[in-house]
Protein backbone atom coordinates (compact mmCIF):
# COMPACT_ATOMS: atom_id res chain seq x y z
CA MET A 1 -64.45 -87.30 -28.42
CA LYS A 2 -62.66 -85.18 -26.38
CA ILE A 3 -60.86 -81.67 -27.77
CA LEU A 4 -58.27 -79.41 -25.52
CA ILE A 5 -58.13 -76.40 -26.42
CA VAL A 6 -55.39 -74.60 -25.27
CA ASN A 7 -54.30 -70.88 -25.05
CA THR A 8 -52.31 -68.56 -22.98
CA SER A 9 -55.77 -66.91 -22.21
CA ASP A 10 -59.44 -66.94 -21.89
CA ILE A 11 -60.48 -63.93 -22.86
CA GLN A 12 -57.93 -61.26 -23.26
CA GLY A 13 -56.06 -60.39 -26.69
CA GLY A 14 -56.95 -61.06 -30.50
CA ALA A 15 -56.25 -65.35 -30.37
CA ALA A 16 -58.38 -65.24 -27.16
CA ARG A 17 -60.71 -64.17 -28.01
CA ALA A 18 -60.74 -65.98 -31.48
CA ALA A 19 -60.01 -69.79 -29.46
CA TYR A 20 -62.58 -69.30 -26.92
CA ARG A 21 -65.15 -68.72 -29.51
CA ILE A 22 -64.04 -72.07 -31.17
CA HIS A 23 -64.81 -73.53 -27.99
CA LYS A 24 -67.98 -72.52 -27.34
CA GLY A 25 -69.12 -72.97 -30.61
CA LEU A 26 -67.67 -76.68 -29.99
CA ARG A 27 -69.83 -77.41 -27.09
CA LYS A 28 -72.92 -75.54 -28.80
CA ILE A 29 -72.60 -78.40 -31.45
CA GLY A 30 -72.70 -81.17 -28.29
CA VAL A 31 -68.52 -81.95 -28.71
CA ASP A 32 -66.50 -82.51 -25.14
CA SER A 33 -64.67 -79.19 -25.60
CA HIS A 34 -62.50 -77.93 -22.73
CA LEU A 35 -60.41 -74.92 -22.37
CA ARG A 36 -56.74 -74.47 -20.49
CA VAL A 37 -55.10 -71.81 -20.02
CA GLN A 38 -52.43 -69.45 -18.58
CA ILE A 39 -54.08 -67.02 -16.25
CA LYS A 40 -57.93 -67.91 -16.21
CA MET A 41 -59.63 -64.59 -15.82
CA GLY A 42 -63.46 -65.80 -16.73
CA ASN A 43 -65.91 -67.61 -14.43
CA GLU A 44 -66.23 -70.28 -17.33
CA PRO A 45 -66.68 -73.87 -15.53
CA THR A 46 -65.04 -75.26 -18.90
CA VAL A 47 -62.13 -73.35 -19.07
CA SER A 48 -58.88 -75.13 -16.43
CA GLY A 49 -56.17 -72.66 -15.17
CA HIS A 50 -55.21 -70.42 -12.20
CA SER A 51 -56.89 -67.02 -11.23
CA GLY A 52 -55.62 -64.49 -8.48
CA LYS A 53 -53.82 -61.68 -7.83
CA LYS A 54 -50.21 -64.40 -6.99
CA THR A 55 -50.88 -66.65 -10.33
CA VAL A 56 -50.51 -63.31 -11.94
CA LEU A 57 -47.27 -62.03 -10.06
CA ILE A 58 -46.24 -65.40 -10.61
CA ASN A 59 -46.66 -65.18 -14.52
CA LYS A 60 -45.07 -61.74 -14.64
CA VAL A 61 -41.35 -63.06 -13.21
CA ARG A 62 -42.16 -66.28 -15.71
CA LEU A 63 -42.28 -63.86 -18.16
CA LEU A 64 -39.15 -61.28 -17.26
CA LEU A 65 -37.35 -64.71 -16.99
CA ASP A 66 -38.14 -65.90 -20.22
CA GLN A 67 -37.10 -62.26 -21.66
CA ILE A 68 -33.57 -62.46 -20.13
CA PRO A 69 -32.09 -63.80 -23.74
CA VAL A 70 -34.01 -60.63 -25.32
CA LEU A 71 -32.71 -58.48 -22.95
CA LEU A 72 -29.63 -59.56 -23.67
CA HIS A 73 -29.68 -58.46 -27.35
CA ARG A 74 -29.24 -54.58 -25.81
CA ARG A 75 -30.63 -52.86 -29.42
CA HIS A 76 -32.85 -55.32 -29.81
CA ASN A 77 -36.39 -53.14 -30.60
CA LYS A 78 -40.11 -53.46 -28.17
CA ASP A 79 -42.12 -56.38 -31.09
CA VAL A 80 -43.31 -58.60 -29.00
CA PHE A 81 -40.04 -61.87 -29.32
CA ALA A 82 -40.95 -65.39 -27.07
CA PRO A 83 -37.81 -67.30 -26.88
CA ALA A 84 -40.15 -70.14 -25.02
CA TRP A 85 -37.08 -71.21 -22.94
CA LEU A 86 -38.46 -71.09 -19.25
CA PRO A 87 -39.04 -74.57 -18.17
CA ASP A 88 -43.24 -75.40 -17.85
CA ARG A 89 -45.38 -77.89 -16.16
CA THR A 90 -48.72 -76.97 -18.48
CA TRP A 91 -47.29 -80.48 -20.49
CA LEU A 92 -48.12 -82.23 -17.14
CA LYS A 93 -51.36 -81.25 -17.12
CA ILE A 94 -52.18 -81.30 -20.44
CA LEU A 95 -51.74 -85.21 -20.79
CA ALA A 96 -53.74 -85.29 -17.34
CA ASP A 97 -56.37 -83.86 -19.05
CA ASN A 98 -55.81 -86.80 -21.33
CA PRO A 99 -57.74 -85.21 -25.01
CA ASP A 100 -58.12 -87.17 -27.35
CA ILE A 101 -57.07 -84.01 -29.53
CA ILE A 102 -54.67 -81.70 -28.67
CA HIS A 103 -55.67 -78.26 -30.39
CA LEU A 104 -52.77 -75.58 -29.66
CA HIS A 105 -54.17 -71.99 -30.46
CA TRP A 106 -51.56 -68.53 -28.73
CA ILE A 107 -48.90 -70.90 -26.15
CA THR A 108 -46.53 -68.08 -25.07
CA LYS A 109 -45.88 -65.87 -22.55
CA ALA A 110 -43.65 -68.02 -20.64
CA PHE A 111 -46.30 -70.44 -21.08
CA ILE A 112 -45.32 -74.09 -22.48
CA GLN A 113 -41.31 -74.79 -23.48
CA ILE A 114 -40.84 -75.07 -26.81
CA GLU A 115 -38.86 -78.66 -25.74
CA SER A 116 -42.26 -79.77 -23.88
CA LEU A 117 -44.30 -79.80 -27.19
CA ALA A 118 -42.52 -82.77 -27.81
CA ARG A 119 -44.28 -84.46 -25.25
CA PHE A 120 -47.34 -84.11 -26.13
CA ASN A 121 -48.39 -88.39 -28.12
CA LYS A 122 -51.56 -87.12 -29.27
CA PRO A 123 -52.75 -85.53 -32.06
CA ILE A 124 -52.01 -82.05 -32.60
CA VAL A 125 -53.99 -79.40 -34.55
CA TRP A 126 -52.13 -76.03 -33.77
CA THR A 127 -54.19 -73.20 -35.42
CA LEU A 128 -51.78 -69.87 -36.07
CA HIS A 129 -53.17 -66.68 -34.72
CA ASP A 130 -49.65 -65.04 -36.26
CA MET A 131 -45.78 -66.14 -37.33
CA TRP A 132 -44.01 -66.79 -34.23
CA ALA A 133 -44.88 -71.02 -35.00
CA PHE A 134 -42.32 -70.84 -37.32
CA THR A 135 -40.30 -67.48 -37.06
CA GLY A 136 -37.30 -68.11 -34.46
CA GLY A 137 -39.07 -66.56 -32.14
CA CYS A 138 -40.78 -62.38 -33.36
CA HIS A 139 -44.86 -62.82 -33.72
CA TYR A 140 -44.64 -60.69 -36.90
CA ASP A 141 -41.32 -61.02 -38.79
CA VAL A 142 -41.70 -57.04 -40.08
CA GLY A 143 -41.30 -58.09 -43.90
CA CYS A 144 -37.60 -60.16 -43.37
CA GLY A 145 -38.55 -63.00 -44.84
CA ARG A 146 -36.28 -64.52 -43.11
CA PHE A 147 -38.13 -67.58 -41.79
CA ARG A 148 -38.39 -69.14 -45.07
CA ILE A 149 -34.45 -69.84 -44.71
CA HIS A 150 -33.60 -70.58 -41.14
CA CYS A 151 -34.05 -67.31 -39.82
CA GLY A 152 -30.83 -65.50 -38.15
CA ALA A 153 -29.98 -61.94 -38.64
CA CYS A 154 -32.91 -61.11 -36.78
CA PRO A 155 -34.08 -57.22 -37.58
CA ILE A 156 -36.51 -57.63 -34.56
CA LEU A 157 -33.35 -57.97 -32.23
CA GLU A 158 -31.24 -55.51 -34.69
CA SER A 159 -29.07 -58.41 -34.87
CA SER A 160 -26.20 -59.03 -38.05
CA GLN A 161 -25.48 -62.44 -36.74
CA GLU A 162 -26.08 -65.43 -38.55
CA HIS A 163 -26.61 -68.15 -35.59
CA ASP A 164 -28.25 -65.60 -33.26
CA LEU A 165 -31.29 -66.31 -30.49
CA SER A 166 -33.17 -66.36 -33.71
CA HIS A 167 -31.50 -68.66 -35.12
CA ARG A 168 -31.26 -70.80 -31.78
CA VAL A 169 -35.27 -70.77 -30.81
CA LEU A 170 -35.82 -72.15 -34.81
CA SER A 171 -33.16 -74.78 -34.29
CA ARG A 172 -35.17 -75.85 -30.84
CA LYS A 173 -38.79 -75.84 -32.45
CA TYR A 174 -37.16 -77.90 -35.09
CA GLN A 175 -35.82 -80.27 -32.84
CA ALA A 176 -40.01 -80.29 -31.07
CA LEU A 177 -41.67 -80.59 -33.52
CA GLN A 178 -39.32 -83.67 -36.04
CA ASN A 179 -41.70 -86.65 -34.82
CA LEU A 180 -45.41 -85.16 -33.73
CA ASN A 181 -48.57 -85.86 -35.17
CA LEU A 182 -49.56 -82.10 -36.26
CA THR A 183 -51.92 -80.48 -38.52
CA ILE A 184 -51.68 -76.52 -38.97
CA VAL A 185 -54.40 -74.76 -39.30
CA THR A 186 -54.18 -70.55 -40.15
CA PRO A 187 -57.21 -68.38 -40.54
CA SER A 188 -56.74 -66.58 -43.45
CA ARG A 189 -54.71 -67.72 -47.17
CA TRP A 190 -52.20 -65.78 -46.75
CA LEU A 191 -50.67 -66.67 -42.96
CA ALA A 192 -51.10 -70.94 -44.54
CA ASN A 193 -49.18 -69.36 -47.51
CA CYS A 194 -46.50 -68.51 -44.96
CA ALA A 195 -46.81 -71.70 -43.22
CA LYS A 196 -45.97 -73.84 -46.19
CA GLU A 197 -42.83 -71.54 -47.22
CA SER A 198 -41.52 -71.96 -44.27
CA ALA A 199 -38.26 -73.76 -43.14
CA LEU A 200 -39.87 -75.32 -40.24
CA LEU A 201 -44.08 -76.24 -41.05
CA GLY A 202 -43.42 -76.59 -45.04
CA GLY A 203 -43.60 -80.14 -44.53
CA PHE A 204 -47.08 -80.52 -42.47
CA ARG A 205 -50.28 -80.78 -43.81
CA VAL A 206 -52.02 -76.57 -42.70
CA GLU A 207 -55.64 -76.19 -44.04
CA VAL A 208 -57.39 -73.18 -43.92
CA ILE A 209 -60.00 -72.84 -41.39
CA PRO A 210 -61.62 -68.59 -39.97
CA ASN A 211 -62.40 -67.72 -36.93
CA GLY A 212 -66.09 -67.53 -36.56
CA LEU A 213 -68.86 -65.57 -34.94
CA ASP A 214 -72.00 -65.53 -32.82
CA LEU A 215 -73.81 -63.54 -35.47
CA SER A 216 -76.61 -64.03 -33.07
CA LEU A 217 -74.74 -62.02 -30.54
CA TYR A 218 -72.67 -59.58 -33.14
CA GLN A 219 -75.57 -58.58 -35.32
CA PRO A 220 -76.92 -55.05 -36.35
CA MET A 221 -78.25 -52.31 -33.91
CA ASN A 222 -80.12 -49.31 -34.27
CA LYS A 223 -77.66 -46.49 -34.80
CA ASP A 224 -78.90 -43.44 -33.29
CA LYS A 225 -79.90 -45.80 -30.47
CA ALA A 226 -76.13 -47.42 -29.70
CA ARG A 227 -74.64 -43.16 -30.18
CA VAL A 228 -76.86 -42.61 -27.46
CA LEU A 229 -76.26 -45.62 -24.98
CA LEU A 230 -72.46 -44.63 -25.69
CA GLY A 231 -72.52 -41.05 -25.42
CA LEU A 232 -71.43 -40.13 -29.25
CA PRO A 233 -72.51 -37.36 -31.81
CA THR A 234 -75.76 -38.55 -33.16
CA ASP A 235 -75.06 -35.73 -35.32
CA LYS A 236 -71.54 -36.84 -37.27
CA GLN A 237 -70.31 -39.54 -39.22
CA LEU A 238 -67.76 -41.72 -36.90
CA ILE A 239 -65.21 -42.79 -38.41
CA LEU A 240 -63.96 -46.04 -35.70
CA PHE A 241 -60.69 -47.53 -34.74
CA GLY A 242 -59.37 -50.03 -32.23
CA ALA A 243 -57.02 -52.56 -31.15
CA MET A 244 -54.92 -54.19 -28.11
CA ASP A 245 -52.81 -51.06 -27.67
CA ALA A 246 -54.02 -49.46 -30.15
CA THR A 247 -51.79 -46.26 -30.33
CA ASP A 248 -49.01 -47.91 -29.63
CA ASN A 249 -48.37 -51.50 -31.56
CA LYS A 250 -46.61 -49.75 -34.39
CA ARG A 251 -48.14 -52.76 -36.68
CA LYS A 252 -51.69 -51.46 -36.10
CA GLY A 253 -50.83 -48.66 -38.12
CA PHE A 254 -52.14 -45.63 -36.01
CA GLY A 255 -49.45 -43.23 -37.98
CA TYR A 256 -50.80 -44.34 -41.42
CA LEU A 257 -54.12 -43.51 -40.10
CA GLN A 258 -53.13 -40.26 -38.10
CA THR A 259 -52.04 -38.85 -41.44
CA ALA A 260 -55.04 -40.17 -43.59
CA LEU A 261 -57.20 -38.02 -40.97
CA GLN A 262 -55.31 -35.01 -41.55
CA GLU A 263 -55.76 -35.53 -44.89
CA LEU A 264 -59.61 -36.28 -44.87
CA ALA A 265 -60.82 -32.67 -42.89
CA LYS A 266 -59.30 -30.63 -45.23
CA LYS A 267 -62.88 -31.01 -46.42
CA TRP A 268 -64.66 -33.20 -43.69
CA SER A 269 -63.59 -30.97 -40.15
CA GLU A 270 -67.43 -29.91 -39.50
CA ARG A 271 -68.76 -33.88 -40.54
CA ALA A 272 -66.58 -36.33 -38.65
CA VAL A 273 -65.68 -37.32 -35.64
CA ALA A 274 -62.93 -40.30 -34.64
CA ILE A 275 -63.52 -42.74 -32.40
CA VAL A 276 -60.32 -45.01 -30.59
CA PHE A 277 -61.03 -47.29 -28.72
CA GLY A 278 -58.28 -49.79 -27.14
CA ALA A 279 -56.20 -47.03 -25.88
CA PHE A 280 -56.60 -44.06 -23.64
CA GLN A 281 -56.09 -40.59 -24.08
CA PRO A 282 -51.95 -39.58 -24.62
CA LYS A 283 -50.78 -36.71 -22.43
CA LYS A 284 -49.77 -35.43 -25.80
CA THR A 285 -52.63 -35.74 -27.77
CA PRO A 286 -51.71 -36.13 -31.39
CA GLN A 287 -52.74 -33.96 -34.49
CA MET A 288 -55.77 -35.93 -36.15
CA GLY A 289 -57.33 -32.98 -38.13
CA LEU A 290 -60.37 -34.20 -37.22
CA PRO A 291 -62.19 -34.23 -33.43
CA ILE A 292 -60.86 -37.37 -31.18
CA GLN A 293 -62.48 -39.81 -28.47
CA TYR A 294 -60.91 -42.31 -26.91
CA LEU A 295 -62.88 -44.94 -24.91
CA GLY A 296 -59.82 -47.07 -23.54
CA PRO A 297 -59.84 -50.54 -23.55
CA ILE A 298 -63.08 -52.43 -24.32
CA GLN A 299 -64.02 -56.04 -23.14
CA SER A 300 -67.74 -56.48 -23.03
CA ASP A 301 -69.09 -57.47 -26.47
CA GLU A 302 -72.50 -55.75 -25.64
CA LYS A 303 -70.61 -52.75 -25.42
CA LEU A 304 -68.29 -53.65 -28.74
CA VAL A 305 -71.36 -54.56 -30.56
CA ALA A 306 -73.15 -50.95 -29.96
CA LEU A 307 -69.69 -48.87 -31.26
CA TYR A 308 -69.49 -50.86 -34.42
CA SER A 309 -72.94 -50.33 -34.62
CA ALA A 310 -72.51 -46.27 -33.59
CA ALA A 311 -69.91 -46.41 -36.68
CA ASP A 312 -70.55 -45.46 -39.84
CA VAL A 313 -67.15 -47.19 -40.86
CA PHE A 314 -63.86 -48.92 -39.21
CA VAL A 315 -60.31 -48.39 -40.33
CA ALA A 316 -58.13 -51.34 -39.22
CA PRO A 317 -54.78 -49.63 -41.62
CA SER A 318 -52.70 -52.95 -39.82
CA VAL A 319 -49.46 -53.22 -42.06
CA GLN A 320 -49.43 -57.28 -40.86
CA GLU A 321 -52.35 -59.08 -39.84
CA ASN A 322 -53.26 -62.81 -39.69
CA LEU A 323 -57.76 -61.98 -39.47
CA SER A 324 -58.45 -59.54 -37.64
CA ASN A 325 -61.48 -59.97 -35.15
CA THR A 326 -62.06 -56.32 -34.77
CA VAL A 327 -62.89 -56.20 -38.85
CA MET A 328 -64.30 -59.26 -38.98
CA GLU A 329 -66.86 -57.90 -35.79
CA SER A 330 -67.46 -54.05 -37.90
CA LEU A 331 -69.18 -55.85 -40.79
CA ALA A 332 -70.94 -58.45 -38.67
CA CYS A 333 -72.75 -55.44 -37.00
CA GLY A 334 -73.06 -53.76 -40.66
CA THR A 335 -70.54 -51.24 -40.55
CA PRO A 336 -68.17 -51.53 -43.58
CA CYS A 337 -64.18 -51.47 -42.94
CA VAL A 338 -61.41 -49.67 -45.08
CA ALA A 339 -57.37 -51.49 -44.57
CA PHE A 340 -54.78 -51.73 -46.76
CA ASP A 341 -54.77 -55.24 -49.06
CA ILE A 342 -52.67 -57.11 -46.86
CA GLY A 343 -52.71 -60.24 -45.24
CA GLY A 344 -56.03 -61.58 -43.89
CA MET A 345 -58.27 -58.41 -45.09
CA PRO A 346 -59.08 -59.93 -48.17
CA ASP A 347 -60.83 -62.76 -46.65
CA MET A 348 -63.06 -60.51 -45.31
CA ILE A 349 -63.36 -57.36 -46.90
CA GLU A 350 -64.58 -57.23 -50.56
CA HIS A 351 -63.35 -53.84 -52.60
CA GLU A 352 -65.70 -51.60 -52.85
CA LYS A 353 -68.85 -53.76 -52.12
CA ASN A 354 -68.65 -54.47 -48.48
CA GLY A 355 -65.64 -51.77 -47.69
CA TYR A 356 -62.42 -50.83 -49.69
CA LEU A 357 -59.03 -52.60 -49.62
CA ALA A 358 -56.17 -49.88 -50.16
CA LYS A 359 -53.00 -50.13 -51.49
CA PRO A 360 -50.99 -50.73 -48.88
CA TYR A 361 -48.93 -48.36 -46.85
CA GLN A 362 -50.76 -44.87 -48.35
CA SER A 363 -52.04 -42.96 -45.95
CA GLU A 364 -53.65 -41.69 -48.95
CA GLU A 365 -55.13 -44.47 -50.18
CA LEU A 366 -57.08 -45.05 -46.92
CA THR A 367 -58.61 -41.28 -47.05
CA LYS A 368 -59.92 -41.82 -49.77
CA GLY A 369 -61.17 -45.48 -48.69
CA ILE A 370 -63.43 -43.65 -46.36
CA ALA A 371 -64.53 -41.16 -47.68
CA TRP A 372 -65.88 -43.14 -50.76
CA VAL A 373 -67.59 -45.11 -47.56
CA LEU A 374 -68.90 -42.26 -46.47
CA GLU A 375 -69.89 -39.80 -49.05
CA ASP A 376 -72.62 -41.72 -50.70
CA GLN A 377 -75.45 -42.91 -48.54
CA ALA A 378 -77.70 -45.58 -51.08
CA ARG A 379 -74.45 -46.51 -51.24
CA TRP A 380 -73.46 -46.91 -47.85
CA GLN A 381 -76.65 -48.48 -47.14
CA PHE A 382 -75.79 -51.20 -50.17
CA ILE A 383 -72.62 -51.85 -48.72
CA SER A 384 -73.21 -52.11 -45.31
CA GLN A 385 -76.15 -55.08 -46.79
CA ARG A 386 -72.79 -56.82 -47.92
CA ALA A 387 -71.10 -56.35 -45.11
CA ARG A 388 -73.47 -58.12 -42.81
CA ALA A 389 -74.25 -61.17 -45.14
CA LYS A 390 -70.66 -62.46 -45.79
CA VAL A 391 -69.93 -62.79 -42.94
CA GLU A 392 -73.29 -64.35 -42.79
CA GLN A 393 -71.61 -66.50 -45.68
CA LYS A 394 -68.21 -67.13 -44.39
CA PHE A 395 -67.78 -67.10 -40.55
CA GLU A 396 -70.68 -68.24 -38.62
CA LEU A 397 -69.59 -69.64 -35.53
CA SER A 398 -71.46 -73.33 -35.59
CA HIS A 399 -70.16 -73.56 -39.26
CA ILE A 400 -66.74 -73.19 -38.41
CA ALA A 401 -67.02 -75.87 -35.28
CA ARG A 402 -68.30 -78.57 -37.76
CA ARG A 403 -65.02 -77.31 -39.80
CA TYR A 404 -62.86 -78.12 -37.67
CA LEU A 405 -65.11 -81.17 -35.82
CA ALA A 406 -64.54 -82.83 -39.74
CA LEU A 407 -61.26 -82.07 -38.90
CA TYR A 408 -60.41 -83.64 -35.40
CA GLU A 409 -62.95 -86.89 -37.10
CA GLU A 410 -60.28 -87.14 -40.06
CA LEU A 411 -57.18 -86.86 -37.55
CA LEU A 412 -58.18 -89.86 -35.37
CA SER A 413 -59.87 -91.82 -37.68
CA SER A 414 -55.94 -91.84 -39.37
CA ASN A 415 -54.49 -91.94 -35.80
CA GLN A 416 -56.46 -94.89 -34.94
CA THR A 417 -55.62 -96.40 -38.52
CA GLN A 418 -52.13 -95.98 -38.21
CA LYS A 419 -51.69 -97.79 -34.71
CA ARG A 420 -53.70 -100.88 -35.99
CA ALA A 421 -51.17 -100.98 -38.90
CA THR A 422 -48.27 -101.25 -36.40
CA LEU A 423 -49.11 -103.71 -34.59
């Protein structure tokens, strides 16, 4: 059995990290898995894709061209919107790889044109890392819910037209997916429910298989040692926050965190320090109430393990989220998490057992949750152990890989039966 995993990148971004981990997990249990990407940034020989400055430049140009229909909506906001109209040759490479199963993940950034999906003549598994597969172009719908009917009048585009770009993109997706042998996988129950309710994917099979994590790598290390290694304070309680574009992406909720920490500082200003990764210190540093250190982007798994282990609590105040890699990684390192009770957060965080689920979009609830985690050391030890145990029970990588293998085997078996039946 040959599996081809397809993702825009091999290591950059949450979807890339999840796809790469699944690829490695499959190979670890003996599956012939290969990963095809748009830009190859790592050195793994089982990953195929172009690399180098020329490739990066070409793909930047392709992305700009792909965004032309979006730019024509002069009032569109800055949320990511992918029309995926630009023709590609990736589909030729995928078919030349001749896999038994094509396993799609995140395929935007001018990587694969929507119409190319109709060319795939093999069983397809599509693991969704956001909402793009069933929307008219947005990756998260900011709560509009129009994917349930047929998009149009898109708030991301600030459009009032029913047959706008989002409506046309969704119509193209409908044509491309009509006759595919397609199985949808979502890492969270929330995203599965969204897919089932969508006008586009409601008729397809939808399975929930979470992302997996190598727990021999992501495991707790000595807190003091981790802090010394990273040059972090050893006499304070550390409140950690991090994501790609951590302070600029409104969906990640940095504004809610800022308000929560300002309130927390009224009692904890001498006891706690905030740590942010995934962003550099802005020229105009926002007032957090607490001292704050910015660590910039971190790609190294080893450094991330040290950072999660150094922290006393990880805060993920996202307003929409599938299954957060950062929350899973933090729990694996024994660090309790505080998040809004939205999206895939309840799949990982058990309220007041391994973390705290705050009422959505209430900064005072985040403050309450952070304080609850930090204020009792004996309780912290208990929920820290529960954090690690949760990941061991639900998200261990080999277990997740075996679940995918079982799905592949079922799809190939049913596909062969269908072929014999048509002879």
